[in-house]
Protein backbone atom coordinates (compact mmCIF):
# COMPACT_ATOMS: atom_id res chain seq x y z
CA MET A 1 -14.25 219.27 241.91
CA PHE A 2 -12.93 218.52 245.56
CA SER A 3 -9.35 219.81 246.49
CA HIS A 4 -7.57 218.42 249.80
CA GLY A 5 -5.92 220.35 252.44
CA ALA A 6 -2.01 220.28 252.40
CA ASN A 7 0.11 217.43 253.35
CA LEU A 8 -3.48 215.18 253.66
CA ASP A 9 -5.76 213.02 251.20
CA PRO A 10 -9.04 212.74 249.56
CA HIS A 11 -9.98 209.88 252.59
CA PHE A 12 -9.68 212.68 255.05
CA TYR A 13 -12.74 213.93 253.84
CA VAL A 14 -15.13 211.07 253.12
CA SER A 15 -17.75 212.69 255.22
CA LEU A 16 -18.10 215.89 252.58
CA THR A 17 -17.81 214.21 249.37
CA GLU A 18 -19.77 211.18 250.09
CA TYR A 19 -22.73 213.38 251.63
CA LEU A 20 -22.74 216.01 248.66
CA ALA A 21 -22.41 212.50 245.93
CA SER A 22 -25.58 211.30 247.83
CA HIS A 23 -27.54 214.30 246.70
CA GLY A 24 -26.95 213.59 242.74
CA TYR A 25 -23.35 214.86 242.11
CA ILE A 26 -20.34 213.87 240.60
CA VAL A 27 -17.61 214.35 242.98
CA VAL A 28 -14.03 214.29 242.05
CA ALA A 29 -11.26 214.47 244.74
CA LEU A 30 -8.28 213.96 243.32
CA GLU A 31 -4.77 213.68 244.84
CA HIS A 32 -2.47 216.34 245.00
CA THR A 33 0.86 214.81 243.93
CA GLY A 34 3.54 216.14 246.36
CA ASN A 35 1.41 217.39 248.77
CA ARG A 36 0.06 214.40 250.64
CA LEU A 37 0.27 213.00 253.87
CA VAL A 38 2.45 210.12 252.83
CA ASP A 39 4.93 213.34 251.17
CA ASN A 40 4.81 214.54 254.18
CA TYR A 41 6.10 211.73 255.89
CA ALA A 42 8.83 211.24 253.30
CA LEU A 43 10.15 214.89 254.46
CA GLY A 44 10.71 213.32 257.80
CA LEU A 45 7.79 215.27 259.39
CA THR A 46 4.44 214.13 261.09
CA GLY A 47 0.88 214.70 260.87
CA PHE A 48 0.33 218.35 260.20
CA GLY A 49 2.76 221.29 259.63
CA CYS A 50 4.68 221.24 256.70
CA GLU A 51 2.40 223.44 255.16
CA THR A 52 3.73 226.50 257.64
CA LEU A 53 7.67 226.04 258.23
CA PRO A 54 9.55 228.70 256.65
CA ILE A 55 12.17 225.82 255.73
CA ARG A 56 13.89 223.74 253.00
CA PRO A 57 12.90 221.16 252.04
CA CYS A 58 9.43 221.81 253.12
CA ARG A 59 8.92 225.40 252.15
CA ASP A 60 10.22 224.16 248.24
CA ALA A 61 7.86 220.91 248.20
CA ASN A 62 4.74 223.56 249.35
CA THR A 63 5.80 226.15 247.09
CA LYS A 64 5.89 223.90 243.96
CA SER A 65 2.48 222.34 245.37
CA ALA A 66 0.89 225.67 245.41
CA VAL A 67 1.97 226.25 241.53
CA ASP A 68 0.37 222.91 240.29
CA ARG A 69 -2.33 222.50 242.29
CA PRO A 70 -4.75 224.52 240.14
CA HIS A 71 -3.04 222.75 237.15
CA ASP A 72 -3.85 219.63 238.86
CA ILE A 73 -7.49 220.69 238.63
CA ARG A 74 -7.74 221.79 235.54
CA PHE A 75 -5.95 218.22 234.24
CA VAL A 76 -8.28 216.44 235.98
CA LEU A 77 -11.36 218.23 235.43
CA ASP A 78 -10.41 217.88 231.23
CA GLN A 79 -9.66 214.26 231.79
CA VAL A 80 -13.14 213.75 233.32
CA LEU A 81 -14.77 215.70 230.47
CA ALA A 82 -13.17 213.73 227.92
CA GLY A 83 -13.90 210.56 229.23
CA ASN A 84 -10.66 209.09 230.52
CA ALA A 85 -11.82 209.15 234.43
CA GLY A 86 -14.05 206.13 234.77
CA VAL A 87 -17.36 208.61 234.17
CA ALA A 88 -19.20 208.99 230.78
CA PRO A 89 -19.08 212.46 229.73
CA ALA A 90 -22.87 211.88 229.16
CA VAL A 91 -24.02 211.46 232.30
CA ILE A 92 -21.97 215.06 233.00
CA ASP A 93 -23.99 218.45 232.60
CA ALA A 94 -20.10 220.65 231.92
CA ASP A 95 -22.07 224.08 232.42
CA ARG A 96 -23.03 223.23 236.38
CA ILE A 97 -19.41 222.37 237.38
CA GLY A 98 -18.72 223.57 240.90
CA MET A 99 -15.66 223.32 243.29
CA TYR A 100 -14.69 222.94 247.04
CA GLY A 101 -11.66 222.62 249.10
CA TYR A 102 -10.58 222.74 252.57
CA SER A 103 -7.62 224.48 253.95
CA SER A 104 -4.93 224.64 250.77
CA GLY A 105 -7.64 223.12 249.25
CA GLY A 106 -9.93 225.98 249.81
CA SER A 107 -7.31 228.21 248.62
CA THR A 108 -6.60 226.32 245.63
CA THR A 109 -10.27 226.66 245.24
CA LEU A 110 -10.27 230.59 244.99
CA ALA A 111 -7.14 230.21 242.63
CA VAL A 112 -8.93 228.34 240.20
CA ALA A 113 -11.97 230.69 240.15
CA GLY A 114 -9.82 233.81 240.56
CA GLY A 115 -6.40 233.20 239.21
CA THR A 116 -3.41 234.17 240.98
CA VAL A 117 -0.81 237.36 241.18
CA SER A 118 1.78 235.40 239.08
CA GLY A 119 -0.55 235.24 235.83
CA ALA A 120 -2.77 231.80 236.32
CA LEU A 121 -6.21 232.44 234.73
CA PRO A 122 -9.45 231.53 236.38
CA ASP A 123 -10.89 228.49 234.84
CA ARG A 124 -14.48 229.88 233.91
CA ARG A 125 -15.96 226.14 233.79
CA ILE A 126 -16.55 226.42 237.38
CA LYS A 127 -19.78 227.82 238.30
CA ALA A 128 -19.57 228.13 241.96
CA ILE A 129 -17.20 227.21 244.81
CA ALA A 130 -17.00 226.74 248.50
CA PRO A 131 -13.82 227.13 250.33
CA LEU A 132 -13.65 225.79 253.78
CA SER A 133 -11.27 227.54 256.12
CA PRO A 134 -9.61 228.75 253.02
CA SER A 135 -6.20 231.24 253.78
CA ALA A 136 -4.93 233.61 251.34
CA SER A 137 -2.21 235.81 252.82
CA VAL A 138 -0.19 232.63 253.86
CA PHE A 139 0.85 232.41 250.30
CA ALA A 140 2.57 235.65 250.71
CA ALA A 141 3.88 234.76 254.59
CA PHE A 142 5.58 231.66 253.92
CA LEU A 143 5.80 231.01 250.35
CA ASP A 144 5.75 233.44 247.52
CA PRO A 145 3.43 236.40 247.23
CA GLU A 146 2.87 235.64 243.41
CA LEU A 147 0.64 232.70 244.27
CA VAL A 148 -2.13 234.60 246.32
CA PRO A 149 -5.39 233.91 244.76
CA LEU A 150 -6.74 237.13 242.99
CA THR A 151 -10.39 236.96 245.03
CA GLY A 152 -11.51 240.18 243.39
CA ASN A 153 -11.30 238.31 240.25
CA ILE A 154 -13.68 235.52 241.04
CA GLU A 155 -17.17 236.01 239.14
CA VAL A 156 -19.08 233.03 240.66
CA PRO A 157 -21.59 232.68 243.61
CA THR A 158 -19.19 231.69 246.83
CA LEU A 159 -19.92 230.01 250.05
CA VAL A 160 -17.17 230.87 252.79
CA SER A 161 -16.82 228.55 255.98
CA PHE A 162 -14.57 228.58 258.94
CA GLY A 163 -14.49 228.06 262.50
CA LYS A 164 -14.77 230.60 264.91
CA ALA A 165 -11.80 229.33 266.98
CA ASP A 166 -9.29 228.40 263.97
CA ILE A 167 -6.19 229.30 264.40
CA THR A 168 -3.88 227.21 263.84
CA ALA A 169 0.02 227.25 262.83
CA GLY A 170 0.28 230.85 263.10
CA ILE A 171 -2.75 231.71 260.70
CA ASN A 172 -6.08 233.21 261.83
CA PHE A 173 -8.35 231.71 259.51
CA VAL A 174 -11.19 234.01 260.88
CA ASP A 175 -9.37 236.83 259.61
CA GLU A 176 -8.54 235.42 256.63
CA GLY A 177 -12.28 234.09 255.79
CA ARG A 178 -13.74 237.33 256.89
CA GLU A 179 -11.12 239.35 254.40
CA ILE A 180 -11.98 236.78 251.75
CA PHE A 181 -15.40 237.28 251.64
CA THR A 182 -15.20 241.12 252.02
CA ASP A 183 -12.93 241.28 249.26
CA LEU A 184 -15.42 239.20 246.84
CA ASP A 185 -17.00 241.46 245.00
CA THR A 186 -20.43 241.31 244.79
CA GLN A 187 -21.81 242.94 241.44
CA ALA A 188 -18.99 239.75 240.04
CA VAL A 189 -20.06 237.06 241.79
CA GLY A 190 -23.78 237.78 242.40
CA GLU A 191 -24.58 235.89 245.88
CA LYS A 192 -21.87 235.18 248.31
CA TYR A 193 -22.44 234.01 251.99
CA ARG A 194 -20.25 233.56 254.97
CA VAL A 195 -20.89 230.96 257.54
CA GLU A 196 -19.03 230.78 260.92
CA ILE A 197 -19.21 227.74 262.90
CA GLN A 198 -18.75 228.91 266.70
CA ARG A 199 -16.52 226.66 268.43
CA GLY A 200 -15.33 225.43 265.38
CA VAL A 201 -11.66 224.53 264.62
CA HIS A 202 -9.25 223.69 261.72
CA ILE A 203 -9.39 219.66 262.08
CA GLY A 204 -13.18 219.77 262.66
CA PHE A 205 -13.54 220.06 258.70
CA THR A 206 -12.03 216.75 258.42
CA ASP A 207 -12.64 212.90 258.88
CA ILE A 208 -9.39 212.98 261.57
CA CYS A 209 -11.69 210.76 264.00
CA ALA A 210 -12.33 207.85 261.21
CA PHE A 211 -9.19 207.94 260.15
CA LEU A 212 -7.91 207.73 263.38
CA ALA A 213 -10.35 204.57 264.06
CA GLY A 214 -9.32 203.02 260.86
CA ASN A 215 -5.63 202.92 262.68
CA LEU A 216 -6.92 201.38 265.84
CA GLU A 217 -8.71 198.77 264.11
CA ALA A 218 -5.77 197.95 261.74
CA ILE A 219 -3.56 197.57 264.57
CA GLN A 220 -6.04 195.26 266.90
CA HIS A 221 -6.59 193.36 263.79
CA GLY A 222 -2.97 192.80 263.56
CA ASN A 223 -3.21 194.28 259.97
CA ALA A 224 -0.94 197.33 260.80
CA SER A 225 1.54 199.19 258.23
CA PRO A 226 4.18 200.97 260.02
CA LEU A 227 2.56 203.97 259.57
CA ASP A 228 -0.50 203.51 261.80
CA PRO A 229 1.49 203.92 264.94
CA ILE A 230 3.22 207.06 263.76
CA ASN A 231 -0.70 208.19 262.67
CA LEU A 232 -1.95 208.03 266.23
CA LEU A 233 1.19 209.44 267.66
CA ALA A 234 1.29 212.39 264.98
CA PHE A 235 -2.60 213.17 265.04
CA LEU A 236 -2.87 212.73 268.97
CA THR A 237 -0.33 215.30 269.79
CA PHE A 238 -0.74 217.64 267.53
CA ASP A 239 -0.51 221.26 268.35
CA GLY A 240 -1.39 224.03 266.21
CA GLN A 241 -0.81 227.01 269.09
CA LEU A 242 1.89 229.06 268.56
CA PRO A 243 3.40 229.21 270.78
CA PRO A 244 2.68 225.85 271.60
CA SER A 245 0.94 224.12 274.36
CA PRO A 246 3.58 223.70 277.63
CA PRO A 247 4.36 219.57 277.45
CA THR A 248 2.08 219.09 279.96
CA ALA A 249 -0.33 219.52 277.85
CA LEU A 250 0.75 217.35 275.10
CA GLY A 251 -2.23 215.83 273.26
CA LYS A 252 -4.53 218.06 275.03
CA SER A 253 -4.28 220.92 272.28
CA ARG A 254 -7.91 222.82 271.51
CA ASP A 255 -7.48 222.06 267.72
CA GLY A 256 -6.55 217.94 268.16
CA ALA A 257 -8.33 215.19 267.93
CA GLN A 258 -9.33 214.48 271.78
CA ALA A 259 -10.87 217.84 271.54
CA ILE A 260 -13.47 216.98 268.59
CA CYS A 261 -13.92 213.11 268.72
CA SER A 262 -16.04 210.81 270.50
CA SER A 263 -14.61 209.56 274.07
CA ASP A 264 -15.31 206.04 272.45
CA LEU A 265 -12.32 206.46 270.28
CA PHE A 266 -9.96 206.92 273.03
CA TYR A 267 -11.74 205.10 276.14
CA ARG A 268 -13.61 201.91 274.71
CA PRO A 269 -11.52 198.95 275.78
CA ASP A 270 -10.32 197.59 272.82
CA ASN A 271 -9.29 201.01 271.70
CA PHE A 272 -7.78 202.07 275.08
CA ALA A 273 -5.63 198.95 274.67
CA VAL A 274 -3.77 200.24 271.81
CA TRP A 275 -3.47 204.06 272.64
CA ASN A 276 -1.79 201.81 276.26
CA ALA A 277 0.59 199.89 273.99
CA VAL A 278 1.69 202.47 271.48
CA THR A 279 4.39 204.34 273.07
CA LEU A 280 6.31 207.75 272.09
CA PHE A 281 9.50 206.71 269.32
CA PRO A 282 12.82 207.00 270.50
CA PRO A 283 14.82 209.17 271.57
CA ALA A 284 12.27 209.72 273.73
CA PRO A 285 11.24 207.74 276.70
CA PRO A 286 8.73 204.96 275.97
CA ILE A 287 5.77 206.43 277.38
CA PRO A 288 2.45 205.10 276.47
CA LEU A 289 0.05 207.39 274.32
CA SER A 290 -2.71 206.69 277.05
CA ALA A 291 -1.23 208.89 279.23
CA PHE A 292 -1.67 211.80 277.19
CA LEU A 293 -5.27 211.45 277.26
CA PHE A 294 -8.02 213.48 279.01
CA PRO A 295 -9.99 211.49 282.42
CA PRO A 296 -13.20 210.04 280.36
CA ASP A 297 -15.28 212.02 281.54
CA GLN A 298 -13.18 215.47 280.10
CA ILE A 299 -13.20 214.76 276.76
CA PRO A 300 -13.04 218.67 275.63
CA GLY A 301 -15.92 217.93 272.62
CA TYR A 302 -18.12 217.09 275.19
CA ILE A 303 -17.76 218.47 278.69
CA ASP A 304 -19.58 220.86 280.46
CA ALA A 305 -19.19 224.25 278.64
CA ASN A 306 -18.62 226.07 282.43
CA SER A 307 -15.05 223.88 282.31
CA ALA A 308 -11.99 225.91 282.67
CA TYR A 309 -11.48 224.21 279.05
CA THR A 310 -13.55 225.90 276.35
CA PRO A 311 -14.81 222.90 274.52
CA SER A 312 -14.00 223.10 270.77
CA LEU A 313 -17.37 221.54 268.34
CA ALA A 314 -17.68 218.13 267.95
CA SER A 315 -16.33 216.59 264.59
CA SER A 316 -19.93 214.93 263.98
CA LYS A 317 -21.75 218.33 264.56
CA HIS A 318 -19.21 220.69 262.49
CA LEU A 319 -19.50 218.10 259.65
CA GLN A 320 -23.32 218.12 259.95
CA ILE A 321 -23.01 221.92 259.64
CA VAL A 322 -20.57 222.23 256.91
CA ASN A 323 -22.88 219.42 254.60
CA THR A 324 -25.84 221.10 254.64
CA TYR A 325 -24.76 224.16 253.45
CA VAL A 326 -22.79 223.19 250.87
CA VAL A 327 -25.32 220.90 249.41
CA ALA A 328 -27.83 223.93 249.49
CA PHE A 329 -25.20 226.20 248.33
CA PHE A 330 -24.42 224.04 245.46
CA ASN A 331 -28.10 223.23 244.76
CA ARG A 332 -29.28 226.61 244.61
CA HIS A 333 -26.42 227.47 242.47
CA LEU A 334 -25.77 224.71 240.26
CA LYS A 335 -29.32 223.24 240.41
CA LYS A 336 -30.83 226.70 240.11
CA ASP A 337 -33.46 224.69 242.84
CA LEU A 338 -34.88 227.67 244.79
CA ARG A 339 -35.99 225.18 247.53
CA TYR A 340 -32.34 225.70 249.03
CA VAL A 341 -32.87 229.42 249.28
CA PHE A 342 -34.26 229.54 252.81
CA TYR A 343 -31.45 227.16 253.98
CA LEU A 344 -28.47 229.80 253.12
CA LEU A 345 -30.17 232.76 254.94
CA PRO A 346 -29.52 233.92 258.70
CA LEU A 347 -33.03 233.18 259.53
CA TYR A 348 -32.14 229.30 259.07
CA ALA A 349 -29.22 229.51 261.03
CA GLU A 350 -31.06 231.94 264.06
CA PHE A 351 -33.54 229.23 263.91
CA LYS A 352 -32.10 225.66 262.68
CA GLN A 353 -28.65 226.04 263.19
CA PRO A 354 -27.43 227.10 266.55
CA ASN A 355 -23.34 226.45 266.31
CA ALA A 356 -23.95 228.43 262.72
CA GLU A 357 -23.89 232.53 262.11
CA VAL A 358 -24.06 233.15 258.22
CA GLU A 359 -24.00 236.45 256.38
CA PHE A 360 -25.55 236.57 253.07
CA CYS A 361 -25.08 239.12 250.48
CA LYS A 362 -26.20 239.54 247.37
CA ALA A 363 -25.89 242.01 244.18
CA SER A 364 -29.40 244.10 243.42
CA ARG A 365 -31.35 243.44 240.58
CA HIS A 366 -30.06 245.81 238.76
CA GLY A 367 -26.44 245.34 239.73
CA LYS A 368 -26.04 248.79 241.18
CA LYS A 369 -25.97 248.17 244.83
CA GLU A 370 -25.57 245.13 247.38
CA TRP A 371 -27.58 244.26 250.33
CA CYS A 372 -26.63 242.17 253.07
CA VAL A 373 -28.10 240.44 256.18
CA ASP A 374 -26.24 238.70 258.84
CA ASN A 375 -27.08 237.21 262.29
CA ILE A 376 -22.96 237.04 263.03
CA THR A 377 -22.69 237.85 266.68
CA GLU A 378 -19.15 239.29 268.24
């Protein structure tokens, strides 16, 4: 089961879901109605942002979604197991069901596995979870404390992943991820893992680069919908930093598309022509979006690390790291394949994944102690 982030959709995570499916899993990536990108636009907002705005109707919509999300998962899982989702029950092993999700979907994953303060019960059909850049305190800060996932109630192996540069919209996902990892009861979950991705930012878990490439292609071929230019503007100028970057840095946020996508997305001639043709919308002056691009030799994800701009990790590398660990984790804990144990150890990260840092904790054989090993550096 896969749960998407707030105000996005499953197609923002195809690199994650298809990769897991290629390893023999049936991946169910449902839509959380009321909390998709199209629902965000219906509220008069563009891009990310609605999930942390403490105003109505944004807050009301997201509070309702936070309540509904675990029920969405339970309902869809019921339908899949009953054979009502286009998958024959005979090909599903109901004893080996896992779940993962990104951002709000990561929080949903925690809520499904552990329940919530409000009394929502854990779904014990879920046997392993891998929340990606999750948050728990955001519910207390922006929505309703009753919606906070009960991380301490989780009783299945857990992999928590986040970027070490992930501070977005006032939420420090680094602190959140570490706190969630600490709150997990090792005796209850058996094994828990924390993966910190160096220079990783929040949207690094998404297919934002491919999404924007699709918008550009639609405009180039004359098949654009009214939302395609809006998407280009919204995701190019997205700035999750608080306080926001100055106007002179519009489009150049460390957690924006330019920070993690290939320079071809912006400077390949056919793509640049679109960025040059699409302008800011009224009442703003009709300035072309190309005015907000970095010089082609300074796309942040690819510039020299000694530059004044600290480069974020390129999307392709970020997704490769996430996919490696998610597949190894589910293969180890759902398929019980011991060949993947090594991939989950800090030693593997140290020698094979220089952009990842791992802490691994395991309950002792007799369940009385835990032992941990890591290659985490501060």
